[in-house]
Amino acid sequence: MNSEETILRLQHKGIKPTANRILVYRTLCQKASPLSLTNLEAMMPTMDKSSIFRVLSLFLQHDVVHAFEDGRGIINYELCNEQGTCDHHDSHLHFYCEHCQRSFCLDNVQLSDFNLPEGFCAHDFSFVIKGLCPQCAKRQHKG
């Protein structure tokens, strides 16, 4: 994605496209998997952690990204969808590999509808399955 497309997507969400915001957005676009604040900090050495966090907080407020806990208590961030918007389809499963410690989106796994007891009102939900990813499981079976 080029800078012009990034600027248009941010403006569409009501976000002023500063250099830091463009950098964070483009970095998230480059990876197919969710990223933690620490991952992003390592990928963007020109930005400090607090600046990255402020951009992510703004992106969360404007539904540019969504966040989930990966099973270790670490928050991961990912773009909501290809159009840069969040909707109910972004409530998908995540998988945390206990061996390589990577997180994966399981977009193709269908979540069954569930009914909350009377009086409960959900605003968001997150599902994380823990185990071994295919690569780590394969290595474990060889050993």
N, C-alpha and C. Protein backbone atom coordinates (compact mmCIF):
# COMPACT_ATOMS: atom_id res chain seq x y z
N MET A 1 0.85 -1.18 0.00
CA MET A 1 0.00 0.00 0.00
C MET A 1 0.89 1.24 0.00
N ASN A 2 0.57 2.16 -0.88
CA ASN A 2 1.39 3.38 -0.94
C ASN A 2 0.88 4.43 0.05
N SER A 3 1.65 5.48 0.20
CA SER A 3 1.31 6.53 1.17
C SER A 3 -0.01 7.22 0.87
N GLU A 4 -0.30 7.42 -0.41
CA GLU A 4 -1.54 8.09 -0.79
C GLU A 4 -2.77 7.28 -0.36
N GLU A 5 -2.73 5.96 -0.56
CA GLU A 5 -3.84 5.10 -0.13
C GLU A 5 -3.98 5.12 1.39
N THR A 6 -2.86 5.09 2.07
CA THR A 6 -2.88 5.14 3.53
C THR A 6 -3.50 6.44 4.01
N ILE A 7 -3.10 7.55 3.43
CA ILE A 7 -3.65 8.86 3.80
C ILE A 7 -5.15 8.88 3.61
N LEU A 8 -5.63 8.38 2.48
CA LEU A 8 -7.07 8.36 2.21
C LEU A 8 -7.82 7.50 3.21
N ARG A 9 -7.27 6.34 3.56
CA ARG A 9 -7.93 5.46 4.53
C ARG A 9 -8.01 6.11 5.91
N LEU A 10 -6.94 6.75 6.32
CA LEU A 10 -6.95 7.42 7.62
C LEU A 10 -7.93 8.59 7.61
N GLN A 11 -7.93 9.37 6.56
CA GLN A 11 -8.86 10.50 6.47
C GLN A 11 -10.30 10.01 6.47
N HIS A 12 -10.56 8.91 5.80
CA HIS A 12 -11.91 8.33 5.75
C HIS A 12 -12.40 7.97 7.16
N LYS A 13 -11.47 7.61 8.04
CA LYS A 13 -11.82 7.27 9.42
C LYS A 13 -11.79 8.48 10.34
N GLY A 14 -11.54 9.67 9.80
CA GLY A 14 -11.52 10.88 10.61
C GLY A 14 -10.22 11.10 11.35
N ILE A 15 -9.14 10.53 10.84
CA ILE A 15 -7.83 10.64 11.47
C ILE A 15 -6.92 11.50 10.60
N LYS A 16 -6.30 12.50 11.23
CA LYS A 16 -5.33 13.33 10.51
C LYS A 16 -4.09 12.47 10.22
N PRO A 17 -3.69 12.36 8.96
CA PRO A 17 -2.58 11.47 8.59
C PRO A 17 -1.20 12.07 8.85
N THR A 18 -0.72 11.94 10.07
CA THR A 18 0.63 12.40 10.40
C THR A 18 1.64 11.33 9.98
N ALA A 19 2.91 11.69 9.99
CA ALA A 19 3.97 10.75 9.59
C ALA A 19 3.96 9.50 10.47
N ASN A 20 3.81 9.66 11.80
CA ASN A 20 3.79 8.50 12.70
C ASN A 20 2.58 7.60 12.44
N ARG A 21 1.43 8.19 12.22
CA ARG A 21 0.22 7.41 11.98
C ARG A 21 0.32 6.63 10.67
N ILE A 22 0.87 7.27 9.67
CA ILE A 22 1.07 6.59 8.38
C ILE A 22 2.04 5.42 8.55
N LEU A 23 3.12 5.64 9.29
CA LEU A 23 4.11 4.60 9.51
C LEU A 23 3.51 3.40 10.24
N VAL A 24 2.76 3.64 11.30
CA VAL A 24 2.15 2.54 12.05
C VAL A 24 1.16 1.79 11.17
N TYR A 25 0.32 2.51 10.44
CA TYR A 25 -0.67 1.87 9.57
C TYR A 25 0.02 1.00 8.52
N ARG A 26 1.02 1.54 7.87
CA ARG A 26 1.72 0.78 6.82
C ARG A 26 2.45 -0.42 7.39
N THR A 27 2.99 -0.30 8.58
CA THR A 27 3.66 -1.43 9.22
C THR A 27 2.66 -2.54 9.53
N LEU A 28 1.48 -2.17 10.03
CA LEU A 28 0.44 -3.17 10.29
C LEU A 28 0.00 -3.84 8.99
N CYS A 29 -0.04 -3.09 7.90
CA CYS A 29 -0.43 -3.64 6.60
C CYS A 29 0.58 -4.67 6.08
N GLN A 30 1.83 -4.48 6.42
CA GLN A 30 2.89 -5.36 5.91
C GLN A 30 2.83 -6.76 6.49
N LYS A 31 2.29 -6.92 7.68
CA LYS A 31 2.27 -8.22 8.34
C LYS A 31 0.89 -8.84 8.23
N ALA A 32 0.88 -10.13 7.94
CA ALA A 32 -0.39 -10.85 7.84
C ALA A 32 -0.87 -11.34 9.20
N SER A 33 -0.04 -11.18 10.22
CA SER A 33 -0.41 -11.66 11.54
C SER A 33 -0.49 -10.49 12.52
N PRO A 34 -1.20 -10.69 13.63
CA PRO A 34 -1.31 -9.63 14.64
C PRO A 34 0.06 -9.29 15.23
N LEU A 35 0.20 -8.05 15.68
CA LEU A 35 1.47 -7.58 16.23
C LEU A 35 1.25 -6.95 17.60
N SER A 36 2.19 -7.20 18.49
CA SER A 36 2.15 -6.57 19.81
C SER A 36 2.86 -5.23 19.74
N LEU A 37 2.73 -4.46 20.80
CA LEU A 37 3.43 -3.18 20.89
C LEU A 37 4.94 -3.39 20.78
N THR A 38 5.44 -4.44 21.42
CA THR A 38 6.87 -4.76 21.36
C THR A 38 7.29 -5.11 19.94
N ASN A 39 6.46 -5.90 19.22
CA ASN A 39 6.76 -6.23 17.82
C ASN A 39 6.85 -4.96 16.99
N LEU A 40 5.86 -4.09 17.15
CA LEU A 40 5.83 -2.85 16.38
C LEU A 40 7.03 -1.96 16.69
N GLU A 41 7.38 -1.90 17.96
CA GLU A 41 8.54 -1.09 18.36
C GLU A 41 9.81 -1.60 17.68
N ALA A 42 9.98 -2.91 17.58
CA ALA A 42 11.16 -3.48 16.92
C ALA A 42 11.15 -3.22 15.42
N MET A 43 9.97 -3.15 14.83
CA MET A 43 9.85 -2.94 13.39
C MET A 43 9.97 -1.47 13.00
N MET A 44 9.80 -0.58 13.98
CA MET A 44 9.84 0.87 13.71
C MET A 44 10.81 1.54 14.68
N PRO A 45 12.10 1.35 14.48
CA PRO A 45 13.08 1.90 15.43
C PRO A 45 13.11 3.42 15.51
N THR A 46 12.49 4.09 14.54
CA THR A 46 12.48 5.56 14.57
C THR A 46 11.39 6.12 15.48
N MET A 47 10.50 5.26 15.97
CA MET A 47 9.42 5.71 16.87
C MET A 47 9.60 5.10 18.25
N ASP A 48 9.31 5.88 19.29
CA ASP A 48 9.39 5.34 20.64
C ASP A 48 8.07 4.65 21.00
N LYS A 49 8.14 3.83 22.03
CA LYS A 49 7.00 3.01 22.44
C LYS A 49 5.77 3.85 22.77
N SER A 50 5.94 4.97 23.46
CA SER A 50 4.78 5.77 23.84
C SER A 50 4.10 6.39 22.62
N SER A 51 4.87 6.77 21.61
CA SER A 51 4.27 7.31 20.38
C SER A 51 3.47 6.24 19.64
N ILE A 52 4.04 5.03 19.57
CA ILE A 52 3.33 3.92 18.92
C ILE A 52 2.04 3.64 19.67
N PHE A 53 2.11 3.61 21.01
CA PHE A 53 0.93 3.32 21.82
C PHE A 53 -0.16 4.37 21.60
N ARG A 54 0.23 5.64 21.54
CA ARG A 54 -0.76 6.70 21.30
C ARG A 54 -1.44 6.53 19.94
N VAL A 55 -0.67 6.17 18.92
CA VAL A 55 -1.26 5.93 17.60
C VAL A 55 -2.22 4.74 17.65
N LEU A 56 -1.81 3.66 18.30
CA LEU A 56 -2.67 2.48 18.40
C LEU A 56 -3.96 2.81 19.16
N SER A 57 -3.85 3.59 20.22
CA SER A 57 -5.04 3.99 20.98
C SER A 57 -6.00 4.79 20.11
N LEU A 58 -5.47 5.70 19.32
CA LEU A 58 -6.29 6.48 18.39
C LEU A 58 -6.93 5.56 17.35
N PHE A 59 -6.17 4.63 16.81
CA PHE A 59 -6.70 3.69 15.82
C PHE A 59 -7.81 2.82 16.42
N LEU A 60 -7.67 2.44 17.68
CA LEU A 60 -8.73 1.67 18.36
C LEU A 60 -10.00 2.50 18.47
N GLN A 61 -9.86 3.76 18.86
CA GLN A 61 -11.02 4.64 19.02
C GLN A 61 -11.77 4.85 17.71
N HIS A 62 -11.04 4.83 16.61
CA HIS A 62 -11.64 5.10 15.30
C HIS A 62 -11.90 3.82 14.49
N ASP A 63 -11.84 2.67 15.16
CA ASP A 63 -12.11 1.37 14.51
C ASP A 63 -11.23 1.11 13.30
N VAL A 64 -9.98 1.49 13.39
CA VAL A 64 -9.01 1.17 12.35
C VAL A 64 -8.35 -0.18 12.66
N VAL A 65 -8.11 -0.42 13.95
CA VAL A 65 -7.55 -1.69 14.41
C VAL A 65 -8.46 -2.26 15.49
N HIS A 66 -8.29 -3.54 15.74
CA HIS A 66 -8.87 -4.11 16.95
C HIS A 66 -7.76 -4.81 17.71
N ALA A 67 -7.99 -5.02 18.98
CA ALA A 67 -6.97 -5.58 19.86
C ALA A 67 -7.53 -6.81 20.56
N PHE A 68 -6.64 -7.72 20.89
CA PHE A 68 -7.02 -8.90 21.66
C PHE A 68 -5.83 -9.36 22.49
N GLU A 69 -6.14 -10.02 23.60
CA GLU A 69 -5.09 -10.59 24.44
C GLU A 69 -4.71 -11.94 23.85
N ASP A 70 -3.42 -12.21 23.74
CA ASP A 70 -2.96 -13.40 23.03
C ASP A 70 -2.85 -14.67 23.87
N GLY A 71 -3.24 -14.63 25.10
CA GLY A 71 -3.15 -15.81 25.95
C GLY A 71 -2.02 -15.72 26.96
N ARG A 72 -1.13 -14.75 26.78
CA ARG A 72 -0.03 -14.50 27.72
C ARG A 72 -0.24 -13.21 28.47
N GLY A 73 -1.33 -12.52 28.18
CA GLY A 73 -1.57 -11.22 28.77
C GLY A 73 -1.02 -10.08 27.93
N ILE A 74 -0.53 -10.40 26.74
CA ILE A 74 0.02 -9.39 25.83
C ILE A 74 -1.04 -9.01 24.81
N ILE A 75 -1.24 -7.71 24.63
CA ILE A 75 -2.23 -7.23 23.68
C ILE A 75 -1.62 -7.22 22.28
N ASN A 76 -2.36 -7.77 21.34
CA ASN A 76 -1.97 -7.76 19.93
C ASN A 76 -2.93 -6.88 19.16
N TYR A 77 -2.44 -6.27 18.10
CA TYR A 77 -3.23 -5.36 17.28
C TYR A 77 -3.21 -5.84 15.84
N GLU A 78 -4.34 -5.65 15.17
CA GLU A 78 -4.40 -5.93 13.74
C GLU A 78 -5.42 -5.03 13.10
N LEU A 79 -5.21 -4.77 11.81
CA LEU A 79 -6.17 -3.97 11.07
C LEU A 79 -7.49 -4.71 11.03
N CYS A 80 -8.57 -3.96 11.06
CA CYS A 80 -9.89 -4.59 11.15
C CYS A 80 -10.24 -5.41 9.91
N ASN A 81 -10.08 -4.87 8.73
CA ASN A 81 -10.27 -5.63 7.50
C ASN A 81 -9.61 -4.87 6.36
N GLU A 82 -9.72 -5.40 5.17
CA GLU A 82 -9.02 -4.81 4.02
C GLU A 82 -9.45 -3.37 3.75
N GLN A 83 -10.68 -3.03 4.09
CA GLN A 83 -11.17 -1.68 3.87
C GLN A 83 -10.79 -0.73 5.00
N GLY A 84 -10.16 -1.27 6.06
CA GLY A 84 -9.77 -0.42 7.17
C GLY A 84 -10.93 -0.06 8.08
N THR A 85 -11.97 -0.89 8.08
CA THR A 85 -13.11 -0.65 8.95
C THR A 85 -13.38 -1.88 9.79
N CYS A 86 -13.95 -1.69 10.96
CA CYS A 86 -14.31 -2.81 11.83
C CYS A 86 -15.80 -3.03 11.78
N ASP A 87 -16.20 -4.26 11.78
CA ASP A 87 -17.60 -4.61 11.89
C ASP A 87 -17.70 -5.97 12.58
N HIS A 88 -18.88 -6.54 12.62
CA HIS A 88 -19.06 -7.78 13.37
C HIS A 88 -18.24 -8.93 12.79
N HIS A 89 -17.81 -8.86 11.55
CA HIS A 89 -17.02 -9.93 10.96
C HIS A 89 -15.61 -9.98 11.53
N ASP A 90 -15.21 -8.95 12.24
CA ASP A 90 -13.88 -8.94 12.83
C ASP A 90 -13.84 -9.64 14.18
N SER A 91 -14.96 -10.15 14.62
CA SER A 91 -15.01 -10.92 15.85
C SER A 91 -14.72 -12.38 15.49
N HIS A 92 -13.46 -12.66 15.28
CA HIS A 92 -13.06 -13.98 14.84
C HIS A 92 -12.14 -14.62 15.88
N LEU A 93 -11.85 -15.87 15.67
CA LEU A 93 -10.97 -16.60 16.58
C LEU A 93 -9.51 -16.22 16.35
N HIS A 94 -8.75 -16.32 17.41
CA HIS A 94 -7.30 -16.16 17.34
C HIS A 94 -6.69 -17.42 17.94
N PHE A 95 -5.52 -17.76 17.46
CA PHE A 95 -4.81 -18.93 17.96
C PHE A 95 -3.44 -18.48 18.45
N TYR A 96 -3.08 -18.92 19.64
CA TYR A 96 -1.78 -18.60 20.22
C TYR A 96 -0.97 -19.88 20.32
N CYS A 97 0.19 -19.91 19.65
CA CYS A 97 1.07 -21.08 19.72
C CYS A 97 1.93 -20.97 20.97
N GLU A 98 1.79 -21.96 21.83
CA GLU A 98 2.52 -21.95 23.10
C GLU A 98 4.01 -22.23 22.93
N HIS A 99 4.40 -22.73 21.76
CA HIS A 99 5.82 -23.01 21.53
C HIS A 99 6.55 -21.81 20.90
N CYS A 100 6.09 -21.36 19.74
CA CYS A 100 6.78 -20.25 19.06
C CYS A 100 6.26 -18.88 19.50
N GLN A 101 5.18 -18.86 20.27
CA GLN A 101 4.59 -17.66 20.85
C GLN A 101 4.08 -16.67 19.80
N ARG A 102 3.66 -17.20 18.65
CA ARG A 102 3.05 -16.34 17.63
C ARG A 102 1.54 -16.44 17.75
N SER A 103 0.88 -15.39 17.30
CA SER A 103 -0.59 -15.37 17.27
C SER A 103 -1.04 -15.41 15.82
N PHE A 104 -2.15 -16.08 15.58
CA PHE A 104 -2.70 -16.24 14.24
C PHE A 104 -4.18 -15.88 14.25
N CYS A 105 -4.66 -15.30 13.17
CA CYS A 105 -6.09 -15.08 12.98
C CYS A 105 -6.68 -16.31 12.32
N LEU A 106 -7.79 -16.77 12.83
CA LEU A 106 -8.49 -17.90 12.22
C LEU A 106 -9.78 -17.37 11.62
N ASP A 107 -9.64 -16.61 10.55
CA ASP A 107 -10.78 -15.95 9.91
C ASP A 107 -11.80 -16.93 9.35
N ASN A 108 -11.36 -18.10 8.93
CA ASN A 108 -12.26 -19.05 8.27
C ASN A 108 -12.98 -19.98 9.23
N VAL A 109 -12.70 -19.89 10.52
CA VAL A 109 -13.39 -20.71 11.51
C VAL A 109 -14.66 -19.98 11.92
N GLN A 110 -15.79 -20.63 11.74
CA GLN A 110 -17.08 -20.01 12.05
C GLN A 110 -17.36 -20.05 13.55
N LEU A 111 -17.76 -18.93 14.08
CA LEU A 111 -18.21 -18.86 15.47
C LEU A 111 -19.71 -19.03 15.50
N SER A 112 -20.18 -19.92 16.34
CA SER A 112 -21.63 -20.07 16.48
C SER A 112 -22.18 -18.89 17.25
N ASP A 113 -23.38 -18.50 16.90
CA ASP A 113 -24.04 -17.45 17.68
C ASP A 113 -24.26 -17.96 19.10
N PHE A 114 -24.16 -17.08 20.03
CA PHE A 114 -24.43 -17.45 21.41
C PHE A 114 -25.36 -16.42 22.02
N ASN A 115 -26.17 -16.87 22.94
CA ASN A 115 -27.13 -15.99 23.60
C ASN A 115 -26.65 -15.73 25.02
N LEU A 116 -26.52 -14.47 25.35
CA LEU A 116 -26.15 -14.09 26.70
C LEU A 116 -27.38 -14.14 27.60
N PRO A 117 -27.17 -14.40 28.88
CA PRO A 117 -28.30 -14.37 29.80
C PRO A 117 -28.94 -12.98 29.82
N GLU A 118 -30.18 -12.93 30.20
CA GLU A 118 -30.93 -11.68 30.23
C GLU A 118 -30.20 -10.64 31.08
N GLY A 119 -30.14 -9.43 30.58
CA GLY A 119 -29.52 -8.33 31.29
C GLY A 119 -28.08 -8.07 30.90
N PHE A 120 -27.43 -9.03 30.25
CA PHE A 120 -26.05 -8.84 29.81
C PHE A 120 -26.05 -8.17 28.44
N CYS A 121 -25.13 -7.23 28.26
CA CYS A 121 -25.03 -6.51 26.99
C CYS A 121 -23.56 -6.50 26.56
N ALA A 122 -23.21 -7.27 25.54
CA ALA A 122 -21.83 -7.36 25.07
C ALA A 122 -21.50 -6.22 24.12
N HIS A 123 -20.32 -5.67 24.27
CA HIS A 123 -19.83 -4.64 23.36
C HIS A 123 -18.70 -5.17 22.49
N ASP A 124 -18.03 -6.20 22.98
CA ASP A 124 -16.90 -6.77 22.27
C ASP A 124 -16.65 -8.16 22.84
N PHE A 125 -15.99 -8.99 22.06
CA PHE A 125 -15.58 -10.28 22.60
C PHE A 125 -14.33 -10.74 21.88
N SER A 126 -13.60 -11.64 22.55
CA SER A 126 -12.36 -12.15 21.99
C SER A 126 -12.24 -13.62 22.36
N PHE A 127 -11.88 -14.42 21.39
CA PHE A 127 -11.67 -15.84 21.62
C PHE A 127 -10.24 -16.18 21.22
N VAL A 128 -9.50 -16.80 22.15
CA VAL A 128 -8.14 -17.23 21.88
C VAL A 128 -8.03 -18.71 22.20
N ILE A 129 -7.59 -19.47 21.23
CA ILE A 129 -7.33 -20.89 21.42
C ILE A 129 -5.82 -21.03 21.59
N LYS A 130 -5.40 -21.82 22.57
CA LYS A 130 -3.97 -22.03 22.82
C LYS A 130 -3.59 -23.45 22.43
N GLY A 131 -2.41 -23.60 21.90
CA GLY A 131 -1.91 -24.91 21.51
C GLY A 131 -0.66 -24.77 20.68
N LEU A 132 -0.50 -25.68 19.70
CA LEU A 132 0.65 -25.65 18.81
C LEU A 132 0.21 -25.33 17.39
N CYS A 133 0.93 -24.43 16.74
CA CYS A 133 0.64 -24.13 15.34
C CYS A 133 1.08 -25.33 14.49
N PRO A 134 0.67 -25.40 13.23
CA PRO A 134 1.04 -26.55 12.40
C PRO A 134 2.55 -26.80 12.32
N GLN A 135 3.34 -25.74 12.20
CA GLN A 135 4.80 -25.92 12.10
C GLN A 135 5.39 -26.50 13.38
N CYS A 136 4.97 -25.98 14.52
CA CYS A 136 5.50 -26.46 15.80
C CYS A 136 5.00 -27.87 16.11
N ALA A 137 3.75 -28.15 15.76
CA ALA A 137 3.20 -29.49 15.98
C ALA A 137 3.96 -30.51 15.13
N LYS A 138 4.28 -30.14 13.90
CA LYS A 138 5.02 -31.03 13.00
C LYS A 138 6.41 -31.31 13.56
N ARG A 139 7.08 -30.26 14.04
CA ARG A 139 8.41 -30.43 14.63
C ARG A 139 8.37 -31.31 15.87
N GLN A 140 7.32 -31.16 16.66
CA GLN A 140 7.20 -31.93 17.90
C GLN A 140 6.99 -33.41 17.60
N HIS A 141 6.22 -33.72 16.55
CA HIS A 141 5.97 -35.12 16.20
C HIS A 141 7.21 -35.78 15.62
N LYS A 142 8.10 -34.99 14.99
CA LYS A 142 9.34 -35.54 14.45
C LYS A 142 10.31 -35.90 15.57
N GLY A 143 10.26 -35.11 16.65
CA GLY A 143 11.21 -35.29 17.74
C GLY A 143 10.79 -36.34 18.66
